[in-house]
Amino acid sequence: MSSMAFLRWFSRGPCAAVPAARAWLLVVFSAVVTAVAWAVFSRLPAMPVRVGMSAVDAAVPLGYQVSVFPAFGAFVGALALDVARSEARRTWLPRLVLVGTLCALAAARVAGALPLSGHALLVFGVLAYAITAPADRDAHVLVALAAPALLVVAWCKLVVWGDPGWFAASAVLGAAAGAVVARIARS
């Protein structure tokens, strides 16, 4: 049975009408994505910390690297559940565009092509999408998973690495992208 077939079967079976079951599925998606991210990043050499475009004499800790993946995994998981259940069709494309755009910007950051914080882009994009009025039905899960990431990213960027300007720019850009996509998806 393919993973999409399993999702369709599972969404029609034990959790078809139970909102709490959807929340638990999002937490499971989050855990799986985070575990995969941890497995990948723990085997890669530590990346250098970048402040703006400059690499500083510090390595990015593993905890920082994986901090955004719980919220990101839940966001992608919510999209996958909606696709599997054929729900909220009008939001599929805008959410895919948001995921693709934020991932492309984050990848450009990893490559050193942008001074923005890929982590801040992802966290603020997910948060803004979740809470832009009317709030997303999964907002409680997304906010609960994004809040710790926001604390980790803000602490490292603002206190440890002293990068308030690019953190703020990334937060504004990520939040704007998430809010615009939410308004388009829910209009």
Protein backbone atom coordinates (compact mmCIF):
# COMPACT_ATOMS: atom_id res chain seq x y z
CA MET A 1 0.00 0.00 0.00
CA SER A 2 1.45 3.38 -0.97
CA SER A 3 1.81 6.14 1.61
CA MET A 4 -0.95 8.21 -0.02
CA ALA A 5 -3.28 5.18 -0.09
CA PHE A 6 -2.53 4.62 3.60
CA LEU A 7 -3.29 8.28 4.37
CA ARG A 8 -6.61 8.05 2.51
CA TRP A 9 -7.55 4.85 4.33
CA PHE A 10 -6.50 6.19 7.72
CA SER A 11 -8.23 9.55 7.27
CA ARG A 12 -11.54 7.82 6.42
CA GLY A 13 -11.21 5.29 9.21
CA PRO A 14 -10.25 5.98 12.80
CA CYS A 15 -9.85 9.76 12.53
CA ALA A 16 -12.41 10.83 9.95
CA ALA A 17 -14.54 12.95 12.27
CA VAL A 18 -12.26 13.52 15.24
CA PRO A 19 -10.34 16.84 15.19
CA ALA A 20 -8.02 15.61 17.94
CA ALA A 21 -6.93 12.75 15.68
CA ARG A 22 -5.95 15.29 13.00
CA ALA A 23 -3.84 17.13 15.56
CA TRP A 24 -2.11 13.88 16.53
CA LEU A 25 -1.45 13.06 12.89
CA LEU A 26 0.17 16.47 12.46
CA VAL A 27 2.33 15.80 15.50
CA VAL A 28 3.34 12.45 13.96
CA PHE A 29 4.22 14.16 10.66
CA SER A 30 6.19 16.69 12.66
CA ALA A 31 8.08 13.98 14.55
CA VAL A 32 8.91 12.04 11.39
CA VAL A 33 10.16 15.11 9.51
CA THR A 34 12.18 16.22 12.54
CA ALA A 35 13.70 12.75 12.96
CA VAL A 36 14.71 12.68 9.30
CA ALA A 37 16.18 16.20 9.56
CA TRP A 38 18.10 15.18 12.68
CA ALA A 39 19.41 12.05 10.94
CA VAL A 40 20.57 14.09 7.94
CA PHE A 41 22.10 17.03 9.82
CA SER A 42 23.78 14.84 12.44
CA ARG A 43 25.74 13.09 9.69
CA LEU A 44 26.77 16.24 7.85
CA PRO A 45 29.71 18.39 8.88
CA ALA A 46 28.60 21.35 10.98
CA MET A 47 27.78 24.39 8.88
CA PRO A 48 29.40 27.72 9.67
CA VAL A 49 27.27 30.39 11.31
CA ARG A 50 26.51 33.22 8.89
CA VAL A 51 25.81 36.76 9.99
CA GLY A 52 24.53 38.46 6.89
CA MET A 53 26.72 37.18 4.08
CA SER A 54 29.77 36.57 6.27
CA ALA A 55 30.67 33.29 7.90
CA VAL A 56 31.82 33.71 11.49
CA ASP A 57 34.11 31.48 13.50
CA ALA A 58 31.32 29.32 14.93
CA ALA A 59 29.43 26.21 13.91
CA VAL A 60 25.65 25.94 13.75
CA PRO A 61 24.51 23.62 16.55
CA LEU A 62 22.40 20.59 15.66
CA GLY A 63 19.56 21.79 17.90
CA TYR A 64 19.35 25.01 15.94
CA GLN A 65 19.41 23.16 12.62
CA VAL A 66 16.45 20.93 13.48
CA SER A 67 14.46 23.50 15.49
CA VAL A 68 12.24 24.56 12.58
CA PHE A 69 11.36 21.08 11.39
CA PRO A 70 8.53 20.32 13.86
CA ALA A 71 6.48 23.30 12.60
CA PHE A 72 7.51 22.75 9.01
CA GLY A 73 6.64 19.04 9.22
CA ALA A 74 3.21 19.79 10.67
CA PHE A 75 2.54 22.40 7.96
CA VAL A 76 3.47 19.98 5.18
CA GLY A 77 1.59 17.20 7.00
CA ALA A 78 -1.58 19.29 7.09
CA LEU A 79 -1.29 19.83 3.35
CA ALA A 80 -0.72 16.10 2.77
CA LEU A 81 -3.77 15.20 4.88
CA ASP A 82 -5.93 17.67 2.98
CA VAL A 83 -4.74 16.27 -0.35
CA ALA A 84 -5.35 12.69 0.82
CA ARG A 85 -8.85 13.61 2.01
CA SER A 86 -9.59 15.92 -0.94
CA GLU A 87 -10.31 18.73 1.52
CA ALA A 88 -9.59 22.45 1.26
CA ARG A 89 -8.68 22.12 -2.43
CA ARG A 90 -8.46 25.85 -3.05
CA THR A 91 -5.61 26.08 -0.50
CA TRP A 92 -3.39 23.40 -2.03
CA LEU A 93 -1.62 25.52 -4.62
CA PRO A 94 -1.05 28.56 -2.37
CA ARG A 95 0.37 26.32 0.38
CA LEU A 96 2.61 24.52 -2.12
CA VAL A 97 3.83 27.89 -3.39
CA LEU A 98 4.57 29.00 0.18
CA VAL A 99 6.49 25.81 0.97
CA GLY A 100 8.41 26.01 -2.31
CA THR A 101 9.24 29.69 -1.93
CA LEU A 102 10.38 29.43 1.67
CA CYS A 103 12.42 26.29 0.94
CA ALA A 104 14.04 27.94 -2.09
CA LEU A 105 14.96 31.01 -0.04
CA ALA A 106 16.30 28.82 2.77
CA ALA A 107 18.36 26.78 0.28
CA ALA A 108 19.75 29.98 -1.21
CA ARG A 109 20.72 30.99 2.31
CA VAL A 110 22.52 27.70 2.91
CA ALA A 111 24.38 28.22 -0.37
CA GLY A 112 25.47 31.66 0.86
CA ALA A 113 23.58 33.55 -1.84
CA LEU A 114 21.29 35.48 0.57
CA PRO A 115 21.90 37.22 3.89
CA LEU A 116 18.45 36.21 5.19
CA SER A 117 17.85 33.63 7.93
CA GLY A 118 16.26 30.54 6.39
CA HIS A 119 15.09 29.42 9.83
CA ALA A 120 13.34 32.73 10.54
CA LEU A 121 11.74 32.68 7.09
CA LEU A 122 10.26 29.22 7.70
CA VAL A 123 9.09 29.82 11.27
CA PHE A 124 7.50 33.20 10.59
CA GLY A 125 5.96 31.95 7.32
CA VAL A 126 4.25 29.05 9.09
CA LEU A 127 3.16 31.23 12.03
CA ALA A 128 1.71 33.95 9.82
CA TYR A 129 -0.13 31.42 7.65
CA ALA A 130 -1.60 29.78 10.74
CA ILE A 131 -2.83 32.91 12.52
CA THR A 132 -3.84 35.22 9.67
CA ALA A 133 -7.58 35.82 10.01
CA PRO A 134 -9.54 33.71 9.67
CA ALA A 135 -7.12 31.43 11.51
CA ASP A 136 -6.24 28.08 9.94
CA ARG A 137 -8.01 25.07 11.46
CA ASP A 138 -4.60 23.66 12.40
CA ALA A 139 -3.37 26.92 13.92
CA HIS A 140 -3.23 25.54 17.47
CA VAL A 141 -0.88 22.74 16.43
CA LEU A 142 1.24 24.93 14.14
CA VAL A 143 1.65 27.66 16.75
CA ALA A 144 2.47 25.14 19.49
CA LEU A 145 5.20 23.63 17.31
CA ALA A 146 6.51 26.92 15.91
CA ALA A 147 6.78 28.78 19.24
CA PRO A 148 9.77 26.79 20.54
CA ALA A 149 11.50 27.16 17.18
CA LEU A 150 10.91 30.90 17.30
CA LEU A 151 12.55 31.04 20.74
CA VAL A 152 15.57 29.02 19.59
CA VAL A 153 16.04 30.99 16.37
CA ALA A 154 15.54 34.38 18.05
CA TRP A 155 17.93 33.53 20.89
CA CYS A 156 20.67 32.35 18.57
CA LYS A 157 20.28 35.13 16.02
CA LEU A 158 19.82 37.99 18.48
CA VAL A 159 21.86 37.01 21.53
CA VAL A 160 24.44 34.40 20.52
CA TRP A 161 25.35 35.55 17.01
CA GLY A 162 24.34 39.23 17.12
CA ASP A 163 22.40 39.31 13.85
CA PRO A 164 19.32 41.46 14.62
CA GLY A 165 19.06 43.18 11.24
CA TRP A 166 18.87 40.07 9.06
CA PHE A 167 16.76 38.27 11.65
CA ALA A 168 14.23 41.12 11.53
CA ALA A 169 14.28 41.27 7.73
CA SER A 170 13.78 37.50 7.53
CA ALA A 171 10.96 37.62 10.08
CA VAL A 172 9.16 40.35 8.15
CA LEU A 173 9.61 38.61 4.78
CA GLY A 174 8.54 35.19 6.14
CA ALA A 175 5.52 36.66 7.95
CA ALA A 176 4.49 38.68 4.89
CA ALA A 177 4.73 35.63 2.64
CA GLY A 178 2.72 33.50 5.07
CA ALA A 179 0.04 36.17 5.56
CA VAL A 180 -0.34 36.90 1.84
CA VAL A 181 -0.63 33.20 1.00
CA ALA A 182 -3.15 32.69 3.82
CA ARG A 183 -5.32 35.54 2.53
CA ILE A 184 -5.19 34.15 -1.02
CA ALA A 185 -5.93 30.59 0.15
CA ARG A 186 -8.86 31.63 2.35
CA SER A 187 -10.49 34.18 0.04
